[in-house]
C-alpha atoms as a PDB file:
ATOM      1  CA  MET A   1      13.947 -64.181  78.838  1.00  0.00           C
ATOM      2  CA  SER A   2      14.280 -66.950  76.598  1.00  0.00           C
ATOM      3  CA  ILE A   3      11.852 -70.230  76.027  1.00  0.00           C
ATOM      4  CA  LEU A   4      13.770 -72.465  77.528  1.00  0.00           C
ATOM      5  CA  SER A   5      14.630 -70.990  80.452  1.00  0.00           C
ATOM      6  CA  GLU A   6      11.264 -70.217  81.171  1.00  0.00           C
ATOM      7  CA  PHE A   7      10.352 -73.779  80.052  1.00  0.00           C
ATOM      8  CA  LYS A   8      13.172 -74.666  82.563  1.00  0.00           C
ATOM      9  CA  ALA A   9      11.919 -72.485  85.605  1.00  0.00           C
ATOM     10  CA  PHE A  10       8.465 -72.693  85.594  1.00  0.00           C
ATOM     11  CA  ALA A  11       9.118 -77.087  85.168  1.00  0.00           C
ATOM     12  CA  VAL A  12      11.167 -76.682  88.629  1.00  0.00           C
ATOM     13  CA  LYS A  13       8.742 -75.219  90.588  1.00  0.00           C
ATOM     14  CA  GLY A  14       7.327 -76.698  93.201  1.00  0.00           C
ATOM     15  CA  ASN A  15       3.695 -77.117  91.488  1.00  0.00           C
ATOM     16  CA  VAL A  16       4.499 -78.417  88.897  1.00  0.00           C
ATOM     17  CA  VAL A  17       5.779 -81.768  90.288  1.00  0.00           C
ATOM     18  CA  ASP A  18       3.345 -81.500  92.663  1.00  0.00           C
ATOM     19  CA  MET A  19       0.433 -82.108  90.102  1.00  0.00           C
ATOM     20  CA  ALA A  20       2.670 -84.437  87.882  1.00  0.00           C
ATOM     21  CA  VAL A  21       2.674 -86.545  90.913  1.00  0.00           C
ATOM     22  CA  GLY A  22      -0.959 -86.363  91.999  1.00  0.00           C
ATOM     23  CA  ILE A  23      -1.688 -87.212  87.850  1.00  0.00           C
ATOM     24  CA  ILE A  24       0.176 -90.671  88.131  1.00  0.00           C
ATOM     25  CA  ILE A  25      -1.522 -91.315  91.370  1.00  0.00           C
ATOM     26  CA  GLY A  26      -5.014 -90.651  90.100  1.00  0.00           C
ATOM     27  CA  ALA A  27      -3.999 -92.755  87.294  1.00  0.00           C
ATOM     28  CA  ALA A  28      -2.937 -95.448  89.352  1.00  0.00           C
ATOM     29  CA  PHE A  29      -6.167 -94.222  91.847  1.00  0.00           C
ATOM     30  CA  GLY A  30      -8.073 -94.594  88.445  1.00  0.00           C
ATOM     31  CA  LYS A  31      -7.356 -98.177  87.526  1.00  0.00           C
ATOM     32  CA  ILE A  32      -8.434 -99.238  91.792  1.00  0.00           C
ATOM     33  CA  VAL A  33     -11.724 -97.376  91.176  1.00  0.00           C
ATOM     34  CA  SER A  34     -12.696 -98.851  87.519  1.00  0.00           C
ATOM     35  CA  SER A  35     -11.721-102.297  88.597  1.00  0.00           C
ATOM     36  CA  PHE A  36     -14.368-101.737  91.883  1.00  0.00           C
ATOM     37  CA  VAL A  37     -16.974-100.536  90.251  1.00  0.00           C
ATOM     38  CA  GLY A  38     -16.165-103.477  87.136  1.00  0.00           C
ATOM     39  CA  ASP A  39     -15.503-106.553  89.284  1.00  0.00           C
ATOM     40  CA  ILE A  40     -17.459-105.538  93.329  1.00  0.00           C
ATOM     41  CA  ILE A  41     -19.720-103.178  92.038  1.00  0.00           C
ATOM     42  CA  MET A  42     -21.536-104.081  88.652  1.00  0.00           C
ATOM     43  CA  PRO A  43     -21.820-107.755  89.224  1.00  0.00           C
ATOM     44  CA  PRO A  44     -23.928-107.821  92.466  1.00  0.00           C
ATOM     45  CA  LEU A  45     -25.665-104.834  90.083  1.00  0.00           C
ATOM     46  CA  GLY A  46     -26.027-106.893  87.527  1.00  0.00           C
ATOM     47  CA  VAL A  47     -28.331-109.673  89.409  1.00  0.00           C
ATOM     48  CA  LEU A  48     -30.373-107.104  90.987  1.00  0.00           C
ATOM     49  CA  ILE A  49     -31.752-106.234  87.359  1.00  0.00           C
ATOM     50  CA  GLY A  50     -31.943-109.983  86.206  1.00  0.00           C
ATOM     51  CA  GLY A  51     -28.775-110.764  85.242  1.00  0.00           C
ATOM     52  CA  VAL A  52     -27.428-107.823  83.113  1.00  0.00           C
ATOM     53  CA  ASP A  53     -24.335-107.351  82.403  1.00  0.00           C
ATOM     54  CA  PHE A  54     -23.601-103.683  81.523  1.00  0.00           C
ATOM     55  CA  SER A  55     -20.810-103.763  79.726  1.00  0.00           C
ATOM     56  CA  ASP A  56     -22.788-106.307  77.191  1.00  0.00           C
ATOM     57  CA  LEU A  57     -25.960-104.204  76.934  1.00  0.00           C
ATOM     58  CA  ALA A  58     -25.483-102.513  73.330  1.00  0.00           C
ATOM     59  CA  ILE A  59     -27.479-101.957  70.453  1.00  0.00           C
ATOM     60  CA  ILE A  60     -26.421-103.207  67.070  1.00  0.00           C
ATOM     61  CA  LEU A  61     -26.329-100.121  64.530  1.00  0.00           C
ATOM     62  CA  LYS A  62     -25.394-102.305  61.617  1.00  0.00           C
ATOM     63  CA  ALA A  63     -24.542-105.913  61.697  1.00  0.00           C
ATOM     64  CA  ALA A  64     -22.032-107.913  60.640  1.00  0.00           C
ATOM     65  CA  THR A  65     -20.932-108.614  56.850  1.00  0.00           C
ATOM     66  CA  GLY A  66     -18.241-111.427  55.961  1.00  0.00           C
ATOM     67  CA  GLU A  67     -15.026-109.940  58.072  1.00  0.00           C
ATOM     68  CA  THR A  68     -16.201-106.336  59.269  1.00  0.00           C
ATOM     69  CA  PRO A  69     -17.634-106.473  62.686  1.00  0.00           C
ATOM     70  CA  ALA A  70     -20.521-105.067  63.902  1.00  0.00           C
ATOM     71  CA  VAL A  71     -21.570-101.512  64.692  1.00  0.00           C
ATOM     72  CA  THR A  72     -22.704-101.004  68.099  1.00  0.00           C
ATOM     73  CA  LEU A  73     -23.750 -98.514  70.279  1.00  0.00           C
ATOM     74  CA  ALA A  74     -21.965 -99.480  73.581  1.00  0.00           C
ATOM     75  CA  TYR A  75     -24.247 -97.458  75.960  1.00  0.00           C
ATOM     76  CA  GLY A  76     -23.064-100.135  78.926  1.00  0.00           C
ATOM     77  CA  LYS A  77     -19.583 -99.045  79.090  1.00  0.00           C
ATOM     78  CA  PHE A  78     -20.815 -95.568  79.066  1.00  0.00           C
ATOM     79  CA  ILE A  79     -23.021 -96.402  82.259  1.00  0.00           C
ATOM     80  CA  GLN A  80     -19.715 -98.277  83.631  1.00  0.00           C
ATOM     81  CA  THR A  81     -17.498 -95.606  82.762  1.00  0.00           C
ATOM     82  CA  VAL A  82     -20.458 -92.712  84.437  1.00  0.00           C
ATOM     83  CA  ILE A  83     -20.374 -94.991  87.696  1.00  0.00           C
ATOM     84  CA  ASP A  84     -16.677 -95.206  87.453  1.00  0.00           C
ATOM     85  CA  PHE A  85     -16.408 -91.333  87.189  1.00  0.00           C
ATOM     86  CA  VAL A  86     -19.101 -91.268  90.246  1.00  0.00           C
ATOM     87  CA  ILE A  87     -17.208 -92.750  92.341  1.00  0.00           C
ATOM     88  CA  VAL A  88     -14.051 -91.222  91.790  1.00  0.00           C
ATOM     89  CA  ALA A  89     -15.773 -87.534  92.320  1.00  0.00           C
ATOM     90  CA  PHE A  90     -17.335 -88.522  95.803  1.00  0.00           C
ATOM     91  CA  ALA A  91     -13.685 -90.200  96.591  1.00  0.00           C
ATOM     92  CA  ILE A  92     -11.899 -86.844  95.577  1.00  0.00           C
ATOM     93  CA  PHE A  93     -14.420 -84.437  97.177  1.00  0.00           C
ATOM     94  CA  VAL A  94     -14.219 -86.429 100.426  1.00  0.00           C
ATOM     95  CA  GLY A  95     -10.646 -86.290 100.528  1.00  0.00           C
ATOM     96  CA  VAL A  96     -11.099 -82.309  99.738  1.00  0.00           C
ATOM     97  CA  LYS A  97     -13.504 -81.740 102.850  1.00  0.00           C
ATOM     98  CA  ALA A  98     -11.484 -83.657 104.724  1.00  0.00           C
ATOM     99  CA  LEU A  99      -7.669 -81.754 104.063  1.00  0.00           C
ATOM    100  CA  ASN A 100     -10.040 -77.691 104.052  1.00  0.00           C
ATOM    101  CA  ARG A 101     -11.597 -79.355 108.088  1.00  0.00           C
ATOM    102  CA  LEU A 102      -7.852 -80.023 109.276  1.00  0.00           C
ATOM    103  CA  LYS A 103      -6.573 -76.425 107.343  1.00  0.00           C
ATOM    104  CA  ARG A 104      -9.832 -74.681 108.903  1.00  0.00           C
ATOM    105  CA  GLU A 105      -8.779 -76.296 112.813  1.00  0.00           C
ATOM    106  CA  GLU A 106      -5.723 -75.292 111.795  1.00  0.00           C
ATOM    107  CA  ALA A 107      -6.400 -71.871 111.407  1.00  0.00           C
ATOM    108  CA  VAL A 108      -8.613 -71.076 114.178  1.00  0.00           C
ATOM    109  CA  ALA A 109      -6.343 -72.993 116.823  1.00  0.00           C
ATOM    110  CA  PRO A 110      -3.454 -70.609 116.735  1.00  0.00           C
ATOM    111  CA  SER A 111      -0.325 -71.696 118.333  1.00  0.00           C
ATOM    112  CA  LEU A 112       0.080 -70.481 121.670  1.00  0.00           C
ATOM    113  CA  PRO A 113       3.674 -70.847 123.575  1.00  0.00           C
ATOM    114  CA  PRO A 114       3.477 -72.872 126.252  1.00  0.00           C
ATOM    115  CA  ALA A 115       2.927 -71.667 129.636  1.00  0.00           C
ATOM    116  CA  PRO A 116       6.521 -71.691 131.243  1.00  0.00           C
ATOM    117  CA  SER A 117       7.709 -74.225 133.666  1.00  0.00           C
ATOM    118  CA  PRO A 118       7.468 -73.161 138.044  1.00  0.00           C
ATOM    119  CA  GLU A 119      11.650 -73.208 137.468  1.00  0.00           C
ATOM    120  CA  GLU A 120      11.262 -70.993 135.022  1.00  0.00           C
ATOM    121  CA  VAL A 121       8.801 -68.485 136.775  1.00  0.00           C
ATOM    122  CA  LEU A 122      11.031 -68.510 139.979  1.00  0.00           C
ATOM    123  CA  LEU A 123      14.143 -67.944 137.743  1.00  0.00           C
ATOM    124  CA  GLY A 124      12.411 -64.990 136.101  1.00  0.00           C
ATOM    125  CA  GLU A 125      11.594 -63.945 140.152  1.00  0.00           C
ATOM    126  CA  ILE A 126      14.957 -64.219 140.856  1.00  0.00           C
ATOM    127  CA  ARG A 127      16.591 -62.300 137.895  1.00  0.00           C
ATOM    128  CA  ASP A 128      14.337 -59.988 138.497  1.00  0.00           C
ATOM    129  CA  LEU A 129      15.163 -59.267 142.232  1.00  0.00           C
ATOM    130  CA  LEU A 130      19.169 -59.298 140.971  1.00  0.00           C
ATOM    131  CA  LYS A 131      18.509 -56.316 138.740  1.00  0.00           C
ATOM    132  CA  ASP A 132      16.510 -54.294 140.990  1.00  0.00           C
ATOM    133  CA  PRO A 133      18.603 -54.117 144.373  1.00  0.00           C
ATOM    134  CA  GLN A 134      16.041 -52.357 146.578  1.00  0.00           C
ATOM    135  CA  LYS A 135      13.532 -55.549 146.323  1.00  0.00           C
ATOM    136  CA  ARG A 136      15.903 -57.152 147.708  1.00  0.00           C
ATOM    137  CA  LEU A 137      16.066 -55.588 151.519  1.00  0.00           C
END
């Protein structure tokens, strides 16, 4: 099998398409979470700890000289990114847990055929009587 045909077989599989859709949705979800953390969670948290904006927290390693910008260690942005990650991980955990619960309930409750209606029972008895002539008398 040539490399091109192997790649075509791989790319056309449903798992690859599902994965691509998941990555695209995950990227959009990441932007939503980043906005949620940066615009909604961090400002009140900054007020609670004394008006500190996490994105401004940094250690200056080398001061700016002339047109050369300062070299900083921006640990505030790192803290915000860690909080973003924790929220995204928790949201994914809750989603996977819900899906697992649905799969577990589906596996526990096998689908039984519905009980026959009274008309179906009566028609079955009539059929049985017609098959065996001795039962009719």
